[in-house]
Amino acid sequence: MLFKISIAMLAFAANSVLCRLALAGHQIDPISFSLIRVFSGAAVLLLLYIFSVQKAKIEWNIKNGFCLALYMVAFSLAYVHIDAGVGALLLFGTVQLSMVGYGLCHGEKINIQRGVGLGIAILGILILLLPGAAAPNLVYAAIMVLSGIGWAMYSIAGKNMQNPLASTLANFVMAIPFVLLAYAAFYAQSFAQPQGVLLAVLSGGLASSGAYVLWYVIVKRIDRVTASSVQLSVPCLAILGGALFIGEELSWRIIISAVIVLGGIGLVIWATPEKKVLK
């Protein structure tokens, strides 16, 4: 299970880096990036479904499609003026609070060890935002928070999906009309260079489609608190990716913060009953 979680988190971080790389380099506008991302993701998922041994019944759900579209469109819009790492912090910090709050409202418990782990992980994120990290634009920060709410809702819905591949395919297809509406609204500002298109295809067809199927497999086997906590590793990975591929800031403070966040996540996972994590 830990290996699957690691692969999913790397893919989530890759989405932040790919999107920021495309937008920071003015290779594509954010809505075109979202549109290509959702179409390429749907195309790859359709191929996977066609060649799957057992074709489960596709569950169409307009709410899940809307949540996915909300996440994708707001995600791209926010990254116009927010660094990859800072954006991931805002995104998954929002996811953390949303999913933990939802879990507590629905009867999930937090013991002392898990509470300490959560506190340590959140402390690591706060350290990342202390002096030395550029303060994000409030408008774009709010847009990224909206994206986080969309992703939290999408993740919560994953617990009720019977087949991860069929469900993810349906969600991508159902998200297309919503993304098209956003594209129509921003059509006058649309543009795309070949590199931007390639980055969007990689984001949708590689870092999103397969990773989201894997994530739906994962969230069915862990509780919401653990699911939200493990995603706190994504900002650390995105910061490292931003430094390596975009030239964003990397310092000892960032490295130490990443270690703190991952340590807190480890406590949350290890404090979870084995039957819930390794089922």
C-alpha atoms as a PDB file:
ATOM      1  CA  MET A   1       0.000   0.000   0.000  1.00  0.00           C
ATOM      2  CA  LEU A   2       2.817   2.421   0.857  1.00  0.00           C
ATOM      3  CA  PHE A   3       4.335   1.870  -2.610  1.00  0.00           C
ATOM      4  CA  LYS A   4       1.006   2.680  -4.275  1.00  0.00           C
ATOM      5  CA  ILE A   5       0.622   5.800  -2.140  1.00  0.00           C
ATOM      6  CA  SER A   6       4.152   6.920  -3.087  1.00  0.00           C
ATOM      7  CA  ILE A   7       3.447   6.541  -6.813  1.00  0.00           C
ATOM      8  CA  ALA A   8       0.175   8.489  -6.509  1.00  0.00           C
ATOM      9  CA  MET A   9       1.805  11.312  -4.546  1.00  0.00           C
ATOM     10  CA  LEU A  10       4.655  11.604  -7.085  1.00  0.00           C
ATOM     11  CA  ALA A  11       2.074  11.882  -9.868  1.00  0.00           C
ATOM     12  CA  PHE A  12       0.139  14.559  -7.965  1.00  0.00           C
ATOM     13  CA  ALA A  13       3.327  16.558  -7.489  1.00  0.00           C
ATOM     14  CA  ALA A  14       4.165  16.101 -11.168  1.00  0.00           C
ATOM     15  CA  ASN A  15       0.860  17.751 -12.073  1.00  0.00           C
ATOM     16  CA  SER A  16       1.843  20.876 -10.127  1.00  0.00           C
ATOM     17  CA  VAL A  17       5.272  21.011 -11.762  1.00  0.00           C
ATOM     18  CA  LEU A  18       3.983  20.347 -15.289  1.00  0.00           C
ATOM     19  CA  CYS A  19       1.245  22.961 -14.979  1.00  0.00           C
ATOM     20  CA  ARG A  20       3.497  25.612 -13.488  1.00  0.00           C
ATOM     21  CA  LEU A  21       6.220  24.868 -16.067  1.00  0.00           C
ATOM     22  CA  ALA A  22       3.748  25.380 -18.914  1.00  0.00           C
ATOM     23  CA  LEU A  23       2.182  28.538 -17.487  1.00  0.00           C
ATOM     24  CA  ALA A  24       5.366  30.173 -16.173  1.00  0.00           C
ATOM     25  CA  GLY A  25       6.922  29.754 -19.601  1.00  0.00           C
ATOM     26  CA  HIS A  26       3.817  31.234 -21.291  1.00  0.00           C
ATOM     27  CA  GLN A  27       3.487  28.112 -23.402  1.00  0.00           C
ATOM     28  CA  ILE A  28      -0.293  27.871 -22.965  1.00  0.00           C
ATOM     29  CA  ASP A  29      -3.169  29.593 -21.196  1.00  0.00           C
ATOM     30  CA  PRO A  30      -4.605  27.933 -18.057  1.00  0.00           C
ATOM     31  CA  ILE A  31      -8.003  26.962 -19.469  1.00  0.00           C
ATOM     32  CA  SER A  32      -6.527  25.418 -22.619  1.00  0.00           C
ATOM     33  CA  PHE A  33      -4.178  23.479 -20.348  1.00  0.00           C
ATOM     34  CA  SER A  34      -7.179  22.201 -18.361  1.00  0.00           C
ATOM     35  CA  LEU A  35      -9.095  21.289 -21.520  1.00  0.00           C
ATOM     36  CA  ILE A  36      -6.214  19.327 -23.055  1.00  0.00           C
ATOM     37  CA  ARG A  37      -5.535  17.719 -19.694  1.00  0.00           C
ATOM     38  CA  VAL A  38      -9.072  16.440 -19.231  1.00  0.00           C
ATOM     39  CA  PHE A  39      -9.400  15.248 -22.851  1.00  0.00           C
ATOM     40  CA  SER A  40      -6.052  13.418 -22.832  1.00  0.00           C
ATOM     41  CA  GLY A  41      -6.872  11.872 -19.457  1.00  0.00           C
ATOM     42  CA  ALA A  42     -10.244  10.667 -20.737  1.00  0.00           C
ATOM     43  CA  ALA A  43      -8.619   9.230 -23.890  1.00  0.00           C
ATOM     44  CA  VAL A  44      -6.039   7.229 -21.922  1.00  0.00           C
ATOM     45  CA  LEU A  45      -8.674   5.970 -19.491  1.00  0.00           C
ATOM     46  CA  LEU A  46     -10.905   4.903 -22.372  1.00  0.00           C
ATOM     47  CA  LEU A  47      -8.058   2.864 -23.863  1.00  0.00           C
ATOM     48  CA  LEU A  48      -7.349   1.269 -20.497  1.00  0.00           C
ATOM     49  CA  TYR A  49     -11.035   0.443 -20.116  1.00  0.00           C
ATOM     50  CA  ILE A  50     -11.319  -1.033 -23.631  1.00  0.00           C
ATOM     51  CA  PHE A  51      -8.362  -3.334 -23.049  1.00  0.00           C
ATOM     52  CA  SER A  52      -9.268  -4.254 -19.469  1.00  0.00           C
ATOM     53  CA  VAL A  53     -10.056  -7.913 -18.838  1.00  0.00           C
ATOM     54  CA  GLN A  54     -13.203  -7.223 -16.849  1.00  0.00           C
ATOM     55  CA  LYS A  55     -15.282  -4.290 -18.020  1.00  0.00           C
ATOM     56  CA  ALA A  56     -17.190  -3.065 -14.990  1.00  0.00           C
ATOM     57  CA  LYS A  57     -20.369  -1.074 -15.394  1.00  0.00           C
ATOM     58  CA  ILE A  58     -19.596   2.623 -15.802  1.00  0.00           C
ATOM     59  CA  GLU A  59     -21.112   4.752 -13.032  1.00  0.00           C
ATOM     60  CA  TRP A  60     -22.019   8.194 -14.383  1.00  0.00           C
ATOM     61  CA  ASN A  61     -22.118  10.891 -11.722  1.00  0.00           C
ATOM     62  CA  ILE A  62     -22.432  14.540 -12.675  1.00  0.00           C
ATOM     63  CA  LYS A  63     -21.415  15.704  -9.196  1.00  0.00           C
ATOM     64  CA  ASN A  64     -18.091  13.857  -9.380  1.00  0.00           C
ATOM     65  CA  GLY A  65     -17.488  15.282 -12.847  1.00  0.00           C
ATOM     66  CA  PHE A  66     -18.136  18.786 -11.561  1.00  0.00           C
ATOM     67  CA  CYS A  67     -15.774  18.317  -8.607  1.00  0.00           C
ATOM     68  CA  LEU A  68     -13.022  17.096 -10.934  1.00  0.00           C
ATOM     69  CA  ALA A  69     -13.589  19.991 -13.337  1.00  0.00           C
ATOM     70  CA  LEU A  70     -13.613  22.510 -10.464  1.00  0.00           C
ATOM     71  CA  TYR A  71     -10.303  21.159  -9.225  1.00  0.00           C
ATOM     72  CA  MET A  72      -8.682  21.169 -12.683  1.00  0.00           C
ATOM     73  CA  VAL A  73      -9.824  24.610 -13.844  1.00  0.00           C
ATOM     74  CA  ALA A  74      -9.123  26.390 -10.552  1.00  0.00           C
ATOM     75  CA  PHE A  75      -5.796  24.537 -10.295  1.00  0.00           C
ATOM     76  CA  SER A  76      -4.614  25.882 -13.654  1.00  0.00           C
ATOM     77  CA  LEU A  77      -5.932  29.408 -13.083  1.00  0.00           C
ATOM     78  CA  ALA A  78      -4.162  29.669  -9.725  1.00  0.00           C
ATOM     79  CA  TYR A  79      -0.825  28.524 -11.112  1.00  0.00           C
ATOM     80  CA  VAL A  80      -0.628  31.539 -13.380  1.00  0.00           C
ATOM     81  CA  HIS A  81       0.848  33.543 -10.475  1.00  0.00           C
ATOM     82  CA  ILE A  82       1.759  30.973  -7.790  1.00  0.00           C
ATOM     83  CA  ASP A  83       4.922  28.869  -7.587  1.00  0.00           C
ATOM     84  CA  ALA A  84       4.560  25.087  -7.857  1.00  0.00           C
ATOM     85  CA  GLY A  85       5.441  24.398  -4.208  1.00  0.00           C
ATOM     86  CA  VAL A  86       3.394  27.192  -2.672  1.00  0.00           C
ATOM     87  CA  GLY A  87       0.405  26.259  -4.821  1.00  0.00           C
ATOM     88  CA  ALA A  88       0.656  22.646  -3.725  1.00  0.00           C
ATOM     89  CA  LEU A  89       0.806  23.790  -0.100  1.00  0.00           C
ATOM     90  CA  LEU A  90      -2.407  25.756  -0.468  1.00  0.00           C
ATOM     91  CA  LEU A  91      -4.091  22.985  -2.431  1.00  0.00           C
ATOM     92  CA  PHE A  92      -3.318  20.089  -0.137  1.00  0.00           C
ATOM     93  CA  GLY A  93      -3.550  22.161   3.027  1.00  0.00           C
ATOM     94  CA  THR A  94      -7.150  22.844   2.009  1.00  0.00           C
ATOM     95  CA  VAL A  95      -7.641  19.168   1.187  1.00  0.00           C
ATOM     96  CA  GLN A  96      -6.263  18.247   4.619  1.00  0.00           C
ATOM     97  CA  LEU A  97      -8.655  20.500   6.507  1.00  0.00           C
ATOM     98  CA  SER A  98     -11.642  19.611   4.343  1.00  0.00           C
ATOM     99  CA  MET A  99     -11.217  15.844   4.542  1.00  0.00           C
ATOM    100  CA  VAL A 100     -10.351  15.765   8.238  1.00  0.00           C
ATOM    101  CA  GLY A 101     -13.347  17.980   9.001  1.00  0.00           C
ATOM    102  CA  TYR A 102     -15.624  15.786   6.911  1.00  0.00           C
ATOM    103  CA  GLY A 103     -14.246  12.651   8.564  1.00  0.00           C
ATOM    104  CA  LEU A 104     -14.763  13.996  12.078  1.00  0.00           C
ATOM    105  CA  CYS A 105     -18.322  15.019  11.215  1.00  0.00           C
ATOM    106  CA  HIS A 106     -18.964  11.448  10.072  1.00  0.00           C
ATOM    107  CA  GLY A 107     -17.654   9.655  13.137  1.00  0.00           C
ATOM    108  CA  GLU A 108     -13.954   9.103  12.446  1.00  0.00           C
ATOM    109  CA  LYS A 109     -11.701   9.300  15.509  1.00  0.00           C
ATOM    110  CA  ILE A 110      -8.228  10.773  15.995  1.00  0.00           C
ATOM    111  CA  ASN A 111      -6.125   9.150  18.725  1.00  0.00           C
ATOM    112  CA  ILE A 112      -3.191  10.875  20.411  1.00  0.00           C
ATOM    113  CA  GLN A 113      -0.523   9.499  18.070  1.00  0.00           C
ATOM    114  CA  ARG A 114      -2.471  10.435  14.959  1.00  0.00           C
ATOM    115  CA  GLY A 115      -3.215  13.860  16.394  1.00  0.00           C
ATOM    116  CA  VAL A 116       0.482  14.424  17.068  1.00  0.00           C
ATOM    117  CA  GLY A 117       1.304  13.257  13.544  1.00  0.00           C
ATOM    118  CA  LEU A 118      -1.208  15.662  12.040  1.00  0.00           C
ATOM    119  CA  GLY A 119       0.152  18.492  14.159  1.00  0.00           C
ATOM    120  CA  ILE A 120       3.737  17.759  13.100  1.00  0.00           C
ATOM    121  CA  ALA A 121       2.774  17.607   9.419  1.00  0.00           C
ATOM    122  CA  ILE A 122       0.873  20.905   9.616  1.00  0.00           C
ATOM    123  CA  LEU A 123       3.812  22.461  11.493  1.00  0.00           C
ATOM    124  CA  GLY A 124       6.073  21.466   8.617  1.00  0.00           C
ATOM    125  CA  ILE A 125       3.784  23.235   6.151  1.00  0.00           C
ATOM    126  CA  LEU A 126       3.653  26.351   8.331  1.00  0.00           C
ATOM    127  CA  ILE A 127       7.457  26.439   8.414  1.00  0.00           C
ATOM    128  CA  LEU A 128       7.453  26.383   4.623  1.00  0.00           C
ATOM    129  CA  LEU A 129       5.329  29.547   4.634  1.00  0.00           C
ATOM    130  CA  LEU A 130       7.501  31.467   7.103  1.00  0.00           C
ATOM    131  CA  PRO A 131       9.804  34.293   5.894  1.00  0.00           C
ATOM    132  CA  GLY A 132      11.793  33.103   2.923  1.00  0.00           C
ATOM    133  CA  ALA A 133       8.785  31.890   0.940  1.00  0.00           C
ATOM    134  CA  ALA A 134       7.117  34.430  -1.325  1.00  0.00           C
ATOM    135  CA  ALA A 135       3.643  35.348  -0.135  1.00  0.00           C
ATOM    136  CA  PRO A 136       1.129  34.260  -2.785  1.00  0.00           C
ATOM    137  CA  ASN A 137      -1.290  36.668  -4.436  1.00  0.00           C
ATOM    138  CA  LEU A 138      -4.486  36.574  -2.359  1.00  0.00           C
ATOM    139  CA  VAL A 139      -6.809  36.258  -5.348  1.00  0.00           C
ATOM    140  CA  TYR A 140      -4.904  33.339  -6.851  1.00  0.00           C
ATOM    141  CA  ALA A 141      -4.458  31.815  -3.398  1.00  0.00           C
ATOM    142  CA  ALA A 142      -8.249  31.850  -2.991  1.00  0.00           C
ATOM    143  CA  ILE A 143      -8.620  30.171  -6.386  1.00  0.00           C
ATOM    144  CA  MET A 144      -6.215  27.435  -5.303  1.00  0.00           C
ATOM    145  CA  VAL A 145      -8.203  26.957  -2.087  1.00  0.00           C
ATOM    146  CA  LEU A 146     -11.287  26.473  -4.272  1.00  0.00           C
ATOM    147  CA  SER A 147      -9.345  23.871  -6.240  1.00  0.00           C
ATOM    148  CA  GLY A 148      -8.492  22.105  -2.979  1.00  0.00           C
ATOM    149  CA  ILE A 149     -12.151  21.968  -1.992  1.00  0.00           C
ATOM    150  CA  GLY A 150     -12.944  20.395  -5.370  1.00  0.00           C
ATOM    151  CA  TRP A 151     -10.222  17.768  -4.939  1.00  0.00           C
ATOM    152  CA  ALA A 152     -11.324  16.994  -1.363  1.00  0.00           C
ATOM    153  CA  MET A 153     -14.887  16.416  -2.558  1.00  0.00           C
ATOM    154  CA  TYR A 154     -13.592  14.216  -5.377  1.00  0.00           C
ATOM    155  CA  SER A 155     -11.454  12.171  -2.986  1.00  0.00           C
ATOM    156  CA  ILE A 156     -14.318  11.709  -0.526  1.00  0.00           C
ATOM    157  CA  ALA A 157     -16.559  10.479  -3.350  1.00  0.00           C
ATOM    158  CA  GLY A 158     -13.936   7.850  -4.204  1.00  0.00           C
ATOM    159  CA  LYS A 159     -14.873   5.797  -1.139  1.00  0.00           C
ATOM    160  CA  ASN A 160     -18.225   5.004  -2.713  1.00  0.00           C
ATOM    161  CA  MET A 161     -16.931   4.013  -6.165  1.00  0.00           C
ATOM    162  CA  GLN A 162     -17.232   0.300  -6.969  1.00  0.00           C
ATOM    163  CA  ASN A 163     -14.653   0.143  -9.782  1.00  0.00           C
ATOM    164  CA  PRO A 164     -11.774   2.677  -9.836  1.00  0.00           C
ATOM    165  CA  LEU A 165     -11.105   2.510 -13.600  1.00  0.00           C
ATOM    166  CA  ALA A 166     -14.727   2.697 -14.729  1.00  0.00           C
ATOM    167  CA  SER A 167     -15.510   5.406 -12.183  1.00  0.00           C
ATOM    168  CA  THR A 168     -12.495   7.553 -13.080  1.00  0.00           C
ATOM    169  CA  LEU A 169     -13.286   7.243 -16.785  1.00  0.00           C
ATOM    170  CA  ALA A 170     -16.854   8.363 -16.121  1.00  0.00           C
ATOM    171  CA  ASN A 171     -15.668  11.293 -14.010  1.00  0.00           C
ATOM    172  CA  PHE A 172     -13.255  12.528 -16.673  1.00  0.00           C
ATOM    173  CA  VAL A 173     -15.943  12.298 -19.358  1.00  0.00           C
ATOM    174  CA  MET A 174     -18.467  14.085 -17.132  1.00  0.00           C
ATOM    175  CA  ALA A 175     -15.895  16.814 -16.383  1.00  0.00           C
ATOM    176  CA  ILE A 176     -15.403  17.656 -20.068  1.00  0.00           C
ATOM    177  CA  PRO A 177     -18.619  19.741 -20.499  1.00  0.00           C
ATOM    178  CA  PHE A 178     -17.784  21.832 -17.429  1.00  0.00           C
ATOM    179  CA  VAL A 179     -14.242  22.500 -18.645  1.00  0.00           C
ATOM    180  CA  LEU A 180     -15.617  23.351 -22.094  1.00  0.00           C
ATOM    181  CA  LEU A 181     -17.892  25.954 -20.494  1.00  0.00           C
ATOM    182  CA  ALA A 182     -14.876  27.513 -18.782  1.00  0.00           C
ATOM    183  CA  TYR A 183     -12.973  27.445 -22.067  1.00  0.00           C
ATOM    184  CA  ALA A 184     -15.846  29.208 -23.828  1.00  0.00           C
ATOM    185  CA  ALA A 185     -15.844  31.913 -21.162  1.00  0.00           C
ATOM    186  CA  PHE A 186     -12.089  32.515 -21.541  1.00  0.00           C
ATOM    187  CA  TYR A 187     -11.818  31.759 -25.266  1.00  0.00           C
ATOM    188  CA  ALA A 188     -10.554  35.235 -26.155  1.00  0.00           C
ATOM    189  CA  GLN A 189      -7.452  34.706 -23.984  1.00  0.00           C
ATOM    190  CA  SER A 190      -6.668  31.199 -25.250  1.00  0.00           C
ATOM    191  CA  PHE A 191      -3.350  30.300 -26.888  1.00  0.00           C
ATOM    192  CA  ALA A 192      -1.152  27.219 -27.059  1.00  0.00           C
ATOM    193  CA  GLN A 193       2.422  26.518 -28.111  1.00  0.00           C
ATOM    194  CA  PRO A 194       3.572  22.954 -28.929  1.00  0.00           C
ATOM    195  CA  GLN A 195       5.482  22.632 -25.641  1.00  0.00           C
ATOM    196  CA  GLY A 196       2.441  23.764 -23.671  1.00  0.00           C
ATOM    197  CA  VAL A 197       0.257  21.209 -25.422  1.00  0.00           C
ATOM    198  CA  LEU A 198       2.801  18.465 -24.712  1.00  0.00           C
ATOM    199  CA  LEU A 199       2.964  19.373 -21.021  1.00  0.00           C
ATOM    200  CA  ALA A 200      -0.826  19.362 -20.779  1.00  0.00           C
ATOM    201  CA  VAL A 201      -0.999  15.944 -22.467  1.00  0.00           C
ATOM    202  CA  LEU A 202       1.611  14.573 -20.067  1.00  0.00           C
ATOM    203  CA  SER A 203      -0.350  15.986 -17.139  1.00  0.00           C
ATOM    204  CA  GLY A 204      -3.652  14.496 -18.263  1.00  0.00           C
ATOM    205  CA  GLY A 205      -2.591  11.298 -19.968  1.00  0.00           C
ATOM    206  CA  LEU A 206       0.190  10.265 -17.607  1.00  0.00           C
ATOM    207  CA  ALA A 207       0.179  12.108 -14.266  1.00  0.00           C
ATOM    208  CA  SER A 208      -3.623  12.341 -13.924  1.00  0.00           C
ATOM    209  CA  SER A 209      -5.473   9.435 -15.546  1.00  0.00           C
ATOM    210  CA  GLY A 210      -3.620   6.419 -14.204  1.00  0.00           C
ATOM    211  CA  ALA A 211      -2.766   8.140 -10.924  1.00  0.00           C
ATOM    212  CA  TYR A 212      -6.418   8.959 -10.230  1.00  0.00           C
ATOM    213  CA  VAL A 213      -7.425   5.338 -10.809  1.00  0.00           C
ATOM    214  CA  LEU A 214      -4.715   4.332  -8.342  1.00  0.00           C
ATOM    215  CA  TRP A 215      -5.908   6.984  -5.883  1.00  0.00           C
ATOM    216  CA  TYR A 216      -9.460   5.637  -5.993  1.00  0.00           C
ATOM    217  CA  VAL A 217      -8.039   2.187  -5.174  1.00  0.00           C
ATOM    218  CA  ILE A 218      -6.159   3.692  -2.231  1.00  0.00           C
ATOM    219  CA  VAL A 219      -8.951   5.802  -0.736  1.00  0.00           C
ATOM    220  CA  LYS A 220     -11.264   2.789  -0.604  1.00  0.00           C
ATOM    221  CA  ARG A 221      -8.787   1.093   1.775  1.00  0.00           C
ATOM    222  CA  ILE A 222      -7.827   3.930   4.114  1.00  0.00           C
ATOM    223  CA  ASP A 223      -9.888   6.386   6.156  1.00  0.00           C
ATOM    224  CA  ARG A 224     -10.298  10.061   5.328  1.00  0.00           C
ATOM    225  CA  VAL A 225      -7.841  11.298   7.942  1.00  0.00           C
ATOM    226  CA  THR A 226      -5.065   9.109   6.563  1.00  0.00           C
ATOM    227  CA  ALA A 227      -6.017   9.926   2.956  1.00  0.00           C
ATOM    228  CA  SER A 228      -5.797  13.649   3.646  1.00  0.00           C
ATOM    229  CA  SER A 229      -2.568  13.322   5.623  1.00  0.00           C
ATOM    230  CA  VAL A 230      -0.551  11.399   3.048  1.00  0.00           C
ATOM    231  CA  GLN A 231      -1.337  14.111   0.514  1.00  0.00           C
ATOM    232  CA  LEU A 232       0.639  16.566   2.626  1.00  0.00           C
ATOM    233  CA  SER A 233       3.765  15.009   1.097  1.00  0.00           C
ATOM    234  CA  VAL A 234       2.819  16.461  -2.294  1.00  0.00           C
ATOM    235  CA  PRO A 235       3.834  20.077  -1.485  1.00  0.00           C
ATOM    236  CA  CYS A 236       7.282  18.861  -0.445  1.00  0.00           C
ATOM    237  CA  LEU A 237       7.669  16.901  -3.667  1.00  0.00           C
ATOM    238  CA  ALA A 238       6.328  19.819  -5.730  1.00  0.00           C
ATOM    239  CA  ILE A 239       8.804  22.210  -4.112  1.00  0.00           C
ATOM    240  CA  LEU A 240      11.659  19.888  -5.013  1.00  0.00           C
ATOM    241  CA  GLY A 241      10.309  19.522  -8.545  1.00  0.00           C
ATOM    242  CA  GLY A 242       9.890  23.272  -8.892  1.00  0.00           C
ATOM    243  CA  ALA A 243      13.477  23.800  -7.820  1.00  0.00           C
ATOM    244  CA  LEU A 244      14.828  21.164 -10.189  1.00  0.00           C
ATOM    245  CA  PHE A 245      12.783  21.904 -13.299  1.00  0.00           C
ATOM    246  CA  ILE A 246      11.602  25.516 -12.971  1.00  0.00           C
ATOM    247  CA  GLY A 247      14.369  27.092 -10.913  1.00  0.00           C
ATOM    248  CA  GLU A 248      12.174  27.946  -7.926  1.00  0.00           C
ATOM    249  CA  GLU A 249      13.721  28.461  -4.488  1.00  0.00           C
ATOM    250  CA  LEU A 250      15.212  25.495  -2.624  1.00  0.00           C
ATOM    251  CA  SER A 251      16.825  25.989   0.773  1.00  0.00           C
ATOM    252  CA  TRP A 252      17.696  24.075   3.938  1.00  0.00           C
ATOM    253  CA  ARG A 253      14.471  25.405   5.458  1.00  0.00           C
ATOM    254  CA  ILE A 254      12.507  23.710   2.694  1.00  0.00           C
ATOM    255  CA  ILE A 255      14.424  20.446   3.084  1.00  0.00           C
ATOM    256  CA  ILE A 256      13.955  20.419   6.873  1.00  0.00           C
ATOM    257  CA  SER A 257      10.260  21.239   6.473  1.00  0.00           C
ATOM    258  CA  ALA A 258       9.840  18.355   4.043  1.00  0.00           C
ATOM    259  CA  VAL A 259      11.372  15.962   6.570  1.00  0.00           C
ATOM    260  CA  ILE A 260       9.009  17.248   9.281  1.00  0.00           C
ATOM    261  CA  VAL A 261       5.940  16.842   7.054  1.00  0.00           C
ATOM    262  CA  LEU A 262       6.900  13.320   6.004  1.00  0.00           C
ATOM    263  CA  GLY A 263       7.627  12.388   9.629  1.00  0.00           C
ATOM    264  CA  GLY A 264       4.180  13.565  10.679  1.00  0.00           C
ATOM    265  CA  ILE A 265       2.580  11.598   7.856  1.00  0.00           C
ATOM    266  CA  GLY A 266       4.479   8.517   8.971  1.00  0.00           C
ATOM    267  CA  LEU A 267       3.004   8.817  12.462  1.00  0.00           C
ATOM    268  CA  VAL A 268      -0.519   9.077  11.054  1.00  0.00           C
ATOM    269  CA  ILE A 269      -0.054   5.988   8.871  1.00  0.00           C
ATOM    270  CA  TRP A 270       1.603   3.887  11.569  1.00  0.00           C
ATOM    271  CA  ALA A 271      -1.113   4.820  14.063  1.00  0.00           C
ATOM    272  CA  THR A 272      -3.817   3.556  11.700  1.00  0.00           C
ATOM    273  CA  PRO A 273      -5.130   0.057  12.439  1.00  0.00           C
ATOM    274  CA  GLU A 274      -3.455  -2.413  10.062  1.00  0.00           C
ATOM    275  CA  LYS A 275      -6.727  -3.754   8.749  1.00  0.00           C
ATOM    276  CA  LYS A 276      -7.687  -0.319   7.469  1.00  0.00           C
ATOM    277  CA  VAL A 277      -4.445   0.319   5.599  1.00  0.00           C
ATOM    278  CA  LEU A 278      -3.459  -3.080   4.261  1.00  0.00           C
ATOM    279  CA  LYS A 279      -6.837  -4.607   3.615  1.00  0.00           C
END
